[in-house]
Amino acid sequence: MDEKDKLRVLIPHWIEHNEAHAAEFRQWAGQAGEAGADILAAAESMKQVNETLGTALEKLGGALEYHPPH
């Protein structure tokens, strides 16, 4: 598997991981007082990061499912 194919496996994982963090940020923002708006902004930034990663993934040819050798 070459480096581009590795990225086609890794990027979807990164996007999913970021989505989980952004959801957690949103949950905690309500309990953060005046810092809540900053935490919500961070969640929105994660959304933009994922859109950018999605664009990169498209340019690489889309997601590639990895099946390790047996």
PDB file of N, CA and C in Angstrom:
ATOM      1  N   MET A   1       0.858  -1.175   0.000  1.00  0.00           N
ATOM      2  CA  MET A   1       0.000   0.000   0.000  1.00  0.00           C
ATOM      3  C   MET A   1       0.903   1.236   0.000  1.00  0.00           C
ATOM      4  N   ASP A   2       0.679   2.105  -0.970  1.00  0.00           N
ATOM      5  CA  ASP A   2       1.505   3.314  -1.033  1.00  0.00           C
ATOM      6  C   ASP A   2       0.966   4.394  -0.084  1.00  0.00           C
ATOM      7  N   GLU A   3       1.692   5.493   0.006  1.00  0.00           N
ATOM      8  CA  GLU A   3       1.349   6.554   0.962  1.00  0.00           C
ATOM      9  C   GLU A   3      -0.022   7.174   0.671  1.00  0.00           C
ATOM     10  N   LYS A   4      -0.356   7.361  -0.604  1.00  0.00           N
ATOM     11  CA  LYS A   4      -1.661   7.933  -0.940  1.00  0.00           C
ATOM     12  C   LYS A   4      -2.789   7.001  -0.511  1.00  0.00           C
ATOM     13  N   ASP A   5      -2.610   5.708  -0.720  1.00  0.00           N
ATOM     14  CA  ASP A   5      -3.637   4.765  -0.283  1.00  0.00           C
ATOM     15  C   ASP A   5      -3.767   4.755   1.243  1.00  0.00           C
ATOM     16  N   LYS A   6      -2.660   4.910   1.943  1.00  0.00           N
ATOM     17  CA  LYS A   6      -2.717   4.992   3.409  1.00  0.00           C
ATOM     18  C   LYS A   6      -3.550   6.200   3.830  1.00  0.00           C
ATOM     19  N   LEU A   7      -3.351   7.322   3.133  1.00  0.00           N
ATOM     20  CA  LEU A   7      -4.142   8.514   3.452  1.00  0.00           C
ATOM     21  C   LEU A   7      -5.623   8.286   3.169  1.00  0.00           C
ATOM     22  N   ARG A   8      -5.934   7.529   2.130  1.00  0.00           N
ATOM     23  CA  ARG A   8      -7.327   7.233   1.788  1.00  0.00           C
ATOM     24  C   ARG A   8      -7.989   6.374   2.850  1.00  0.00           C
ATOM     25  N   VAL A   9      -7.200   5.672   3.640  1.00  0.00           N
ATOM     26  CA  VAL A   9      -7.701   4.904   4.781  1.00  0.00           C
ATOM     27  C   VAL A   9      -7.751   5.791   6.029  1.00  0.00           C
ATOM     28  N   LEU A  10      -6.707   6.582   6.232  1.00  0.00           N
ATOM     29  CA  LEU A  10      -6.590   7.384   7.448  1.00  0.00           C
ATOM     30  C   LEU A  10      -7.553   8.565   7.513  1.00  0.00           C
ATOM     31  N   ILE A  11      -7.725   9.271   6.408  1.00  0.00           N
ATOM     32  CA  ILE A  11      -8.531  10.499   6.448  1.00  0.00           C
ATOM     33  C   ILE A  11      -9.959  10.250   6.925  1.00  0.00           C
ATOM     34  N   PRO A  12     -10.661   9.219   6.444  1.00  0.00           N
ATOM     35  CA  PRO A  12     -12.014   8.994   6.982  1.00  0.00           C
ATOM     36  C   PRO A  12     -12.011   8.759   8.498  1.00  0.00           C
ATOM     37  N   HIS A  13     -10.979   8.092   8.989  1.00  0.00           N
ATOM     38  CA  HIS A  13     -10.852   7.885  10.436  1.00  0.00           C
ATOM     39  C   HIS A  13     -10.654   9.220  11.158  1.00  0.00           C
ATOM     40  N   TRP A  14      -9.809  10.074  10.596  1.00  0.00           N
ATOM     41  CA  TRP A  14      -9.574  11.390  11.206  1.00  0.00           C
ATOM     42  C   TRP A  14     -10.865  12.199  11.251  1.00  0.00           C
ATOM     43  N   ILE A  15     -11.621  12.168  10.159  1.00  0.00           N
ATOM     44  CA  ILE A  15     -12.877  12.919  10.097  1.00  0.00           C
ATOM     45  C   ILE A  15     -13.842  12.417  11.173  1.00  0.00           C
ATOM     46  N   GLU A  16     -13.977  11.110  11.276  1.00  0.00           N
ATOM     47  CA  GLU A  16     -14.868  10.532  12.288  1.00  0.00           C
ATOM     48  C   GLU A  16     -14.414  10.915  13.698  1.00  0.00           C
ATOM     49  N   HIS A  17     -13.129  10.859  13.922  1.00  0.00           N
ATOM     50  CA  HIS A  17     -12.560  11.214  15.227  1.00  0.00           C
ATOM     51  C   HIS A  17     -12.845  12.686  15.558  1.00  0.00           C
ATOM     52  N   ASN A  18     -12.660  13.558  14.575  1.00  0.00           N
ATOM     53  CA  ASN A  18     -12.945  14.981  14.781  1.00  0.00           C
ATOM     54  C   ASN A  18     -14.422  15.226  15.072  1.00  0.00           C
ATOM     55  N   GLU A  19     -15.312  14.498  14.373  1.00  0.00           N
ATOM     56  CA  GLU A  19     -16.748  14.648  14.611  1.00  0.00           C
ATOM     57  C   GLU A  19     -17.099  14.280  16.046  1.00  0.00           C
ATOM     58  N   ALA A  20     -16.475  13.223  16.555  1.00  0.00           N
ATOM     59  CA  ALA A  20     -16.726  12.807  17.935  1.00  0.00           C
ATOM     60  C   ALA A  20     -16.254  13.886  18.910  1.00  0.00           C
ATOM     61  N   HIS A  21     -15.094  14.456  18.654  1.00  0.00           N
ATOM     62  CA  HIS A  21     -14.593  15.526  19.523  1.00  0.00           C
ATOM     63  C   HIS A  21     -15.502  16.756  19.454  1.00  0.00           C
ATOM     64  N   ALA A  22     -15.926  17.137  18.265  1.00  0.00           N
ATOM     65  CA  ALA A  22     -16.789  18.312  18.117  1.00  0.00           C
ATOM     66  C   ALA A  22     -18.096  18.118  18.880  1.00  0.00           C
ATOM     67  N   ALA A  23     -18.656  16.923  18.836  1.00  0.00           N
ATOM     68  CA  ALA A  23     -19.890  16.636  19.581  1.00  0.00           C
ATOM     69  C   ALA A  23     -19.648  16.780  21.081  1.00  0.00           C
ATOM     70  N   GLU A  24     -18.505  16.304  21.529  1.00  0.00           N
ATOM     71  CA  GLU A  24     -18.157  16.422  22.946  1.00  0.00           C
ATOM     72  C   GLU A  24     -17.959  17.892  23.334  1.00  0.00           C
ATOM     73  N   PHE A  25     -17.331  18.667  22.455  1.00  0.00           N
ATOM     74  CA  PHE A  25     -17.163  20.098  22.703  1.00  0.00           C
ATOM     75  C   PHE A  25     -18.518  20.757  22.911  1.00  0.00           C
ATOM     76  N   ARG A  26     -19.469  20.421  22.028  1.00  0.00           N
ATOM     77  CA  ARG A  26     -20.804  21.032  22.118  1.00  0.00           C
ATOM     78  C   ARG A  26     -21.488  20.670  23.436  1.00  0.00           C
ATOM     79  N   GLN A  27     -21.302  19.442  23.874  1.00  0.00           N
ATOM     80  CA  GLN A  27     -21.896  19.014  25.143  1.00  0.00           C
ATOM     81  C   GLN A  27     -21.315  19.807  26.319  1.00  0.00           C
ATOM     82  N   TRP A  28     -20.036  20.038  26.303  1.00  0.00           N
ATOM     83  CA  TRP A  28     -19.374  20.716  27.413  1.00  0.00           C
ATOM     84  C   TRP A  28     -19.527  22.230  27.373  1.00  0.00           C
ATOM     85  N   ALA A  29     -19.790  22.778  26.221  1.00  0.00           N
ATOM     86  CA  ALA A  29     -19.849  24.234  26.077  1.00  0.00           C
ATOM     87  C   ALA A  29     -20.871  24.865  27.018  1.00  0.00           C
ATOM     88  N   GLY A  30     -21.988  24.201  27.212  1.00  0.00           N
ATOM     89  CA  GLY A  30     -23.028  24.740  28.085  1.00  0.00           C
ATOM     90  C   GLY A  30     -22.615  24.834  29.545  1.00  0.00           C
ATOM     91  N   GLN A  31     -21.594  24.114  29.903  1.00  0.00           N
ATOM     92  CA  GLN A  31     -21.136  24.100  31.300  1.00  0.00           C
ATOM     93  C   GLN A  31     -19.878  24.937  31.492  1.00  0.00           C
ATOM     94  N   ALA A  32     -19.471  25.650  30.457  1.00  0.00           N
ATOM     95  CA  ALA A  32     -18.191  26.353  30.506  1.00  0.00           C
ATOM     96  C   ALA A  32     -18.308  27.840  30.785  1.00  0.00           C
ATOM     97  N   GLY A  33     -19.519  28.315  31.085  1.00  0.00           N
ATOM     98  CA  GLY A  33     -19.677  29.733  31.366  1.00  0.00           C
ATOM     99  C   GLY A  33     -19.265  30.588  30.191  1.00  0.00           C
ATOM    100  N   GLU A  34     -18.507  31.642  30.466  1.00  0.00           N
ATOM    101  CA  GLU A  34     -18.129  32.569  29.396  1.00  0.00           C
ATOM    102  C   GLU A  34     -17.195  31.936  28.372  1.00  0.00           C
ATOM    103  N   ALA A  35     -16.570  30.819  28.702  1.00  0.00           N
ATOM    104  CA  ALA A  35     -15.713  30.112  27.749  1.00  0.00           C
ATOM    105  C   ALA A  35     -16.527  29.255  26.780  1.00  0.00           C
ATOM    106  N   GLY A  36     -17.812  29.108  27.040  1.00  0.00           N
ATOM    107  CA  GLY A  36     -18.659  28.258  26.206  1.00  0.00           C
ATOM    108  C   GLY A  36     -18.660  28.662  24.741  1.00  0.00           C
ATOM    109  N   ALA A  37     -18.697  29.968  24.480  1.00  0.00           N
ATOM    110  CA  ALA A  37     -18.701  30.435  23.090  1.00  0.00           C
ATOM    111  C   ALA A  37     -17.402  30.049  22.380  1.00  0.00           C
ATOM    112  N   ASP A  38     -16.307  30.083  23.097  1.00  0.00           N
ATOM    113  CA  ASP A  38     -15.026  29.689  22.499  1.00  0.00           C
ATOM    114  C   ASP A  38     -15.004  28.195  22.200  1.00  0.00           C
ATOM    115  N   ILE A  39     -15.571  27.415  23.088  1.00  0.00           N
ATOM    116  CA  ILE A  39     -15.613  25.966  22.872  1.00  0.00           C
ATOM    117  C   ILE A  39     -16.524  25.638  21.691  1.00  0.00           C
ATOM    118  N   LEU A  40     -17.646  26.342  21.578  1.00  0.00           N
ATOM    119  CA  LEU A  40     -18.516  26.153  20.413  1.00  0.00           C
ATOM    120  C   LEU A  40     -17.801  26.568  19.121  1.00  0.00           C
ATOM    121  N   ALA A  41     -17.021  27.629  19.193  1.00  0.00           N
ATOM    122  CA  ALA A  41     -16.248  28.060  18.025  1.00  0.00           C
ATOM    123  C   ALA A  41     -15.235  26.991  17.628  1.00  0.00           C
ATOM    124  N   ALA A  42     -14.648  26.345  18.610  1.00  0.00           N
ATOM    125  CA  ALA A  42     -13.710  25.257  18.317  1.00  0.00           C
ATOM    126  C   ALA A  42     -14.431  24.107  17.620  1.00  0.00           C
ATOM    127  N   ALA A  43     -15.653  23.808  18.053  1.00  0.00           N
ATOM    128  CA  ALA A  43     -16.435  22.754  17.402  1.00  0.00           C
ATOM    129  C   ALA A  43     -16.709  23.123  15.949  1.00  0.00           C
ATOM    130  N   GLU A  44     -17.015  24.390  15.695  1.00  0.00           N
ATOM    131  CA  GLU A  44     -17.248  24.842  14.323  1.00  0.00           C
ATOM    132  C   GLU A  44     -15.960  24.773  13.500  1.00  0.00           C
ATOM    133  N   SER A  45     -14.843  25.060  14.135  1.00  0.00           N
ATOM    134  CA  SER A  45     -13.560  24.953  13.437  1.00  0.00           C
ATOM    135  C   SER A  45     -13.286  23.514  13.023  1.00  0.00           C
ATOM    136  N   MET A  46     -13.666  22.574  13.879  1.00  0.00           N
ATOM    137  CA  MET A  46     -13.497  21.159  13.545  1.00  0.00           C
ATOM    138  C   MET A  46     -14.319  20.808  12.312  1.00  0.00           C
ATOM    139  N   LYS A  47     -15.494  21.414  12.190  1.00  0.00           N
ATOM    140  CA  LYS A  47     -16.336  21.180  11.016  1.00  0.00           C
ATOM    141  C   LYS A  47     -15.603  21.631   9.757  1.00  0.00           C
ATOM    142  N   GLN A  48     -14.975  22.797   9.811  1.00  0.00           N
ATOM    143  CA  GLN A  48     -14.220  23.310   8.669  1.00  0.00           C
ATOM    144  C   GLN A  48     -13.023  22.410   8.362  1.00  0.00           C
ATOM    145  N   VAL A  49     -12.348  21.949   9.386  1.00  0.00           N
ATOM    146  CA  VAL A  49     -11.222  21.031   9.196  1.00  0.00           C
ATOM    147  C   VAL A  49     -11.698  19.785   8.453  1.00  0.00           C
ATOM    148  N   ASN A  50     -12.845  19.243   8.865  1.00  0.00           N
ATOM    149  CA  ASN A  50     -13.355  18.038   8.219  1.00  0.00           C
ATOM    150  C   ASN A  50     -13.729  18.287   6.764  1.00  0.00           C
ATOM    151  N   GLU A  51     -14.266  19.463   6.472  1.00  0.00           N
ATOM    152  CA  GLU A  51     -14.583  19.781   5.079  1.00  0.00           C
ATOM    153  C   GLU A  51     -13.298  19.824   4.246  1.00  0.00           C
ATOM    154  N   THR A  52     -12.255  20.396   4.804  1.00  0.00           N
ATOM    155  CA  THR A  52     -10.974  20.466   4.105  1.00  0.00           C
ATOM    156  C   THR A  52     -10.378  19.072   3.917  1.00  0.00           C
ATOM    157  N   LEU A  53     -10.458  18.254   4.953  1.00  0.00           N
ATOM    158  CA  LEU A  53      -9.986  16.870   4.829  1.00  0.00           C
ATOM    159  C   LEU A  53     -10.802  16.111   3.795  1.00  0.00           C
ATOM    160  N   GLY A  54     -12.101  16.363   3.746  1.00  0.00           N
ATOM    161  CA  GLY A  54     -12.949  15.718   2.754  1.00  0.00           C
ATOM    162  C   GLY A  54     -12.549  16.095   1.341  1.00  0.00           C
ATOM    163  N   THR A  55     -12.192  17.343   1.139  1.00  0.00           N
ATOM    164  CA  THR A  55     -11.723  17.789  -0.172  1.00  0.00           C
ATOM    165  C   THR A  55     -10.423  17.072  -0.543  1.00  0.00           C
ATOM    166  N   ALA A  56      -9.528  16.966   0.416  1.00  0.00           N
ATOM    167  CA  ALA A  56      -8.266  16.253   0.171  1.00  0.00           C
ATOM    168  C   ALA A  56      -8.546  14.795  -0.182  1.00  0.00           C
ATOM    169  N   LEU A  57      -9.475  14.183   0.530  1.00  0.00           N
ATOM    170  CA  LEU A  57      -9.816  12.784   0.280  1.00  0.00           C
ATOM    171  C   LEU A  57     -10.361  12.601  -1.135  1.00  0.00           C
ATOM    172  N   GLU A  58     -11.210  13.506  -1.567  1.00  0.00           N
ATOM    173  CA  GLU A  58     -11.734  13.445  -2.936  1.00  0.00           C
ATOM    174  C   GLU A  58     -10.601  13.524  -3.956  1.00  0.00           C
ATOM    175  N   LYS A  59      -9.649  14.423  -3.726  1.00  0.00           N
ATOM    176  CA  LYS A  59      -8.523  14.579  -4.642  1.00  0.00           C
ATOM    177  C   LYS A  59      -7.633  13.341  -4.696  1.00  0.00           C
ATOM    178  N   LEU A  60      -7.642  12.579  -3.614  1.00  0.00           N
ATOM    179  CA  LEU A  60      -6.863  11.338  -3.557  1.00  0.00           C
ATOM    180  C   LEU A  60      -7.613  10.155  -4.171  1.00  0.00           C
ATOM    181  N   GLY A  61      -8.878  10.363  -4.522  1.00  0.00           N
ATOM    182  CA  GLY A  61      -9.650   9.286  -5.142  1.00  0.00           C
ATOM    183  C   GLY A  61     -10.713   8.688  -4.254  1.00  0.00           C
ATOM    184  N   GLY A  62     -10.958   9.290  -3.110  1.00  0.00           N
ATOM    185  CA  GLY A  62     -12.017   8.808  -2.219  1.00  0.00           C
ATOM    186  C   GLY A  62     -11.497   7.812  -1.205  1.00  0.00           C
ATOM    187  N   ALA A  63     -12.398   7.434  -0.310  1.00  0.00           N
ATOM    188  CA  ALA A  63     -12.046   6.524   0.780  1.00  0.00           C
ATOM    189  C   ALA A  63     -11.650   5.159   0.237  1.00  0.00           C
ATOM    190  N   LEU A  64     -10.741   4.548   0.921  1.00  0.00           N
ATOM    191  CA  LEU A  64     -10.276   3.203   0.583  1.00  0.00           C
ATOM    192  C   LEU A  64     -10.413   2.355   1.833  1.00  0.00           C
ATOM    193  N   GLU A  65     -11.196   1.306   1.726  1.00  0.00           N
ATOM    194  CA  GLU A  65     -11.367   0.407   2.869  1.00  0.00           C
ATOM    195  C   GLU A  65     -10.147  -0.500   2.945  1.00  0.00           C
ATOM    196  N   TYR A  66      -9.620  -0.629   4.137  1.00  0.00           N
ATOM    197  CA  TYR A  66      -8.411  -1.425   4.322  1.00  0.00           C
ATOM    198  C   TYR A  66      -8.771  -2.789   4.908  1.00  0.00           C
ATOM    199  N   HIS A  67      -8.259  -3.814   4.290  1.00  0.00           N
ATOM    200  CA  HIS A  67      -8.414  -5.181   4.788  1.00  0.00           C
ATOM    201  C   HIS A  67      -7.019  -5.743   5.033  1.00  0.00           C
ATOM    202  N   PRO A  68      -6.625  -5.847   6.307  1.00  0.00           N
ATOM    203  CA  PRO A  68      -5.273  -6.341   6.580  1.00  0.00           C
ATOM    204  C   PRO A  68      -5.103  -7.780   6.080  1.00  0.00           C
ATOM    205  N   PRO A  69      -3.888  -8.114   5.708  1.00  0.00           N
ATOM    206  CA  PRO A  69      -3.633  -9.486   5.235  1.00  0.00           C
ATOM    207  C   PRO A  69      -3.860 -10.492   6.365  1.00  0.00           C
ATOM    208  N   HIS A  70      -4.267 -11.671   6.001  1.00  0.00           N
ATOM    209  CA  HIS A  70      -4.540 -12.716   7.004  1.00  0.00           C
ATOM    210  C   HIS A  70      -3.304 -13.491   7.332  1.00  0.00           C
TER     211      HIS A  70
END
